[in-house]
Amino acid sequence: MNTVTILGIASIVIGFLCIAAAFHTFMTKKPVGWSVGFGIAAFIFVTVIPVFLAVFFATMPGDVTR
């Protein structure tokens, strides 16, 4: 595994933790802003960052990412 792969996996794990945090804040009736904030962070960590890494770094030819 190279650095880009590890960053992608870490990003997805952080995203799922944000999903769990959003659910927890919603169920414990915390302010709505917390749930929305965790939801937006989850979207970024689960979709935007892994796609960015895959498109711009993981597809580079050669040993640039290692």
N, C-alpha and C. Protein backbone atom coordinates (compact mmCIF):
# COMPACT_ATOMS: atom_id res chain seq x y z
N MET A 1 0.84 -1.19 0.00
CA MET A 1 0.00 0.00 0.00
C MET A 1 0.88 1.24 0.00
N ASN A 2 0.46 2.20 -0.78
CA ASN A 2 1.23 3.44 -0.81
C ASN A 2 0.51 4.52 0.01
N THR A 3 1.10 5.68 0.05
CA THR A 3 0.59 6.77 0.88
C THR A 3 -0.80 7.21 0.46
N VAL A 4 -1.05 7.26 -0.83
CA VAL A 4 -2.36 7.70 -1.32
C VAL A 4 -3.45 6.73 -0.87
N THR A 5 -3.17 5.44 -0.92
CA THR A 5 -4.15 4.45 -0.49
C THR A 5 -4.45 4.60 1.00
N ILE A 6 -3.42 4.78 1.79
CA ILE A 6 -3.62 4.94 3.23
C ILE A 6 -4.40 6.21 3.54
N LEU A 7 -4.10 7.29 2.83
CA LEU A 7 -4.86 8.53 3.03
C LEU A 7 -6.33 8.35 2.65
N GLY A 8 -6.59 7.62 1.58
CA GLY A 8 -7.97 7.35 1.18
C GLY A 8 -8.72 6.54 2.21
N ILE A 9 -8.08 5.51 2.74
CA ILE A 9 -8.72 4.68 3.76
C ILE A 9 -8.97 5.50 5.02
N ALA A 10 -7.98 6.29 5.44
CA ALA A 10 -8.14 7.12 6.63
C ALA A 10 -9.26 8.14 6.45
N SER A 11 -9.37 8.71 5.27
CA SER A 11 -10.42 9.66 5.00
C SER A 11 -11.80 9.02 5.12
N ILE A 12 -11.95 7.82 4.60
CA ILE A 12 -13.23 7.13 4.68
C ILE A 12 -13.57 6.76 6.12
N VAL A 13 -12.58 6.33 6.88
CA VAL A 13 -12.82 6.01 8.29
C VAL A 13 -13.27 7.26 9.05
N ILE A 14 -12.59 8.38 8.82
CA ILE A 14 -12.99 9.63 9.47
C ILE A 14 -14.40 10.02 9.05
N GLY A 15 -14.73 9.80 7.78
CA GLY A 15 -16.07 10.11 7.29
C GLY A 15 -17.14 9.28 7.98
N PHE A 16 -16.89 8.00 8.17
CA PHE A 16 -17.86 7.17 8.86
C PHE A 16 -17.97 7.55 10.34
N LEU A 17 -16.89 8.00 10.95
CA LEU A 17 -16.98 8.51 12.32
C LEU A 17 -17.82 9.79 12.37
N CYS A 18 -17.72 10.61 11.34
CA CYS A 18 -18.56 11.81 11.26
C CYS A 18 -20.03 11.44 11.08
N ILE A 19 -20.31 10.39 10.32
CA ILE A 19 -21.69 9.93 10.17
C ILE A 19 -22.23 9.47 11.51
N ALA A 20 -21.43 8.71 12.25
CA ALA A 20 -21.85 8.25 13.57
C ALA A 20 -22.06 9.43 14.52
N ALA A 21 -21.17 10.42 14.45
CA ALA A 21 -21.32 11.60 15.30
C ALA A 21 -22.57 12.39 14.95
N ALA A 22 -22.87 12.51 13.67
CA ALA A 22 -24.09 13.21 13.24
C ALA A 22 -25.33 12.48 13.76
N PHE A 23 -25.33 11.18 13.66
CA PHE A 23 -26.46 10.40 14.17
C PHE A 23 -26.58 10.57 15.68
N HIS A 24 -25.45 10.51 16.38
CA HIS A 24 -25.48 10.64 17.84
C HIS A 24 -25.99 12.01 18.26
N THR A 25 -25.51 13.06 17.61
CA THR A 25 -25.97 14.40 17.98
C THR A 25 -27.45 14.60 17.67
N PHE A 26 -27.94 13.95 16.61
CA PHE A 26 -29.36 14.04 16.28
C PHE A 26 -30.21 13.30 17.32
N MET A 27 -29.77 12.10 17.68
CA MET A 27 -30.55 11.28 18.62
C MET A 27 -30.54 11.86 20.04
N THR A 28 -29.49 12.54 20.43
CA THR A 28 -29.42 13.13 21.77
C THR A 28 -29.96 14.56 21.80
N LYS A 29 -30.57 14.97 20.69
CA LYS A 29 -31.23 16.27 20.57
C LYS A 29 -30.29 17.45 20.86
N LYS A 30 -29.10 17.36 20.33
CA LYS A 30 -28.17 18.49 20.38
C LYS A 30 -28.63 19.51 19.34
N PRO A 31 -28.03 20.69 19.31
CA PRO A 31 -28.43 21.68 18.30
C PRO A 31 -28.26 21.12 16.87
N VAL A 32 -29.17 21.52 16.01
CA VAL A 32 -29.20 21.01 14.64
C VAL A 32 -27.91 21.31 13.90
N GLY A 33 -27.30 22.42 14.21
CA GLY A 33 -26.06 22.80 13.53
C GLY A 33 -24.95 21.76 13.68
N TRP A 34 -24.91 21.12 14.83
CA TRP A 34 -23.91 20.07 15.04
C TRP A 34 -24.13 18.90 14.08
N SER A 35 -25.38 18.46 13.97
CA SER A 35 -25.69 17.35 13.07
C SER A 35 -25.40 17.71 11.62
N VAL A 36 -25.77 18.90 11.22
CA VAL A 36 -25.52 19.34 9.85
C VAL A 36 -24.02 19.47 9.60
N GLY A 37 -23.30 20.00 10.55
CA GLY A 37 -21.85 20.14 10.40
C GLY A 37 -21.16 18.80 10.25
N PHE A 38 -21.54 17.84 11.12
CA PHE A 38 -20.96 16.51 10.99
C PHE A 38 -21.38 15.85 9.68
N GLY A 39 -22.59 16.10 9.22
CA GLY A 39 -23.05 15.54 7.95
C GLY A 39 -22.26 16.10 6.77
N ILE A 40 -22.00 17.39 6.78
CA ILE A 40 -21.21 17.99 5.71
C ILE A 40 -19.78 17.47 5.74
N ALA A 41 -19.22 17.38 6.94
CA ALA A 41 -17.86 16.84 7.07
C ALA A 41 -17.82 15.39 6.57
N ALA A 42 -18.83 14.61 6.89
CA ALA A 42 -18.89 13.23 6.44
C ALA A 42 -18.93 13.16 4.92
N PHE A 43 -19.74 14.02 4.31
CA PHE A 43 -19.81 14.04 2.84
C PHE A 43 -18.45 14.33 2.24
N ILE A 44 -17.74 15.29 2.80
CA ILE A 44 -16.43 15.65 2.27
C ILE A 44 -15.44 14.51 2.45
N PHE A 45 -15.41 13.91 3.64
CA PHE A 45 -14.44 12.86 3.92
C PHE A 45 -14.75 11.55 3.19
N VAL A 46 -16.03 11.25 2.94
CA VAL A 46 -16.37 9.98 2.30
C VAL A 46 -16.37 10.08 0.78
N THR A 47 -16.65 11.25 0.24
CA THR A 47 -16.75 11.34 -1.22
C THR A 47 -15.68 12.23 -1.86
N VAL A 48 -15.58 13.47 -1.43
CA VAL A 48 -14.75 14.44 -2.13
C VAL A 48 -13.27 14.10 -2.04
N ILE A 49 -12.77 13.85 -0.84
CA ILE A 49 -11.33 13.58 -0.67
C ILE A 49 -10.91 12.28 -1.35
N PRO A 50 -11.62 11.15 -1.17
CA PRO A 50 -11.19 9.93 -1.87
C PRO A 50 -11.23 10.06 -3.40
N VAL A 51 -12.24 10.74 -3.93
CA VAL A 51 -12.30 10.92 -5.38
C VAL A 51 -11.16 11.81 -5.85
N PHE A 52 -10.86 12.86 -5.13
CA PHE A 52 -9.74 13.73 -5.47
C PHE A 52 -8.43 12.94 -5.47
N LEU A 53 -8.22 12.12 -4.44
CA LEU A 53 -7.00 11.32 -4.38
C LEU A 53 -6.93 10.32 -5.53
N ALA A 54 -8.06 9.69 -5.83
CA ALA A 54 -8.08 8.68 -6.89
C ALA A 54 -7.83 9.30 -8.26
N VAL A 55 -8.43 10.43 -8.52
CA VAL A 55 -8.32 11.03 -9.85
C VAL A 55 -6.97 11.69 -10.07
N PHE A 56 -6.48 12.41 -9.09
CA PHE A 56 -5.29 13.21 -9.32
C PHE A 56 -3.98 12.58 -8.85
N PHE A 57 -4.03 11.58 -7.98
CA PHE A 57 -2.78 11.00 -7.50
C PHE A 57 -2.65 9.52 -7.81
N ALA A 58 -3.70 8.75 -7.60
CA ALA A 58 -3.60 7.31 -7.78
C ALA A 58 -3.47 6.92 -9.25
N THR A 59 -3.87 7.80 -10.16
CA THR A 59 -3.79 7.50 -11.59
C THR A 59 -2.51 7.98 -12.24
N MET A 60 -1.60 8.53 -11.46
CA MET A 60 -0.33 9.01 -12.03
C MET A 60 0.52 7.81 -12.45
N PRO A 61 1.15 7.92 -13.60
CA PRO A 61 2.02 6.81 -14.04
C PRO A 61 3.32 6.78 -13.24
N GLY A 62 3.89 5.60 -13.13
CA GLY A 62 5.19 5.47 -12.49
C GLY A 62 5.12 5.44 -10.98
N ASP A 63 6.26 5.71 -10.38
CA ASP A 63 6.40 5.67 -8.93
C ASP A 63 6.29 7.04 -8.29
N VAL A 64 5.48 7.91 -8.84
CA VAL A 64 5.36 9.27 -8.31
C VAL A 64 4.74 9.25 -6.93
N THR A 65 3.78 8.37 -6.68
CA THR A 65 3.06 8.37 -5.42
C THR A 65 3.71 7.44 -4.38
N ARG A 66 4.81 6.82 -4.68
CA ARG A 66 5.40 5.88 -3.71
C ARG A 66 6.63 6.44 -3.08
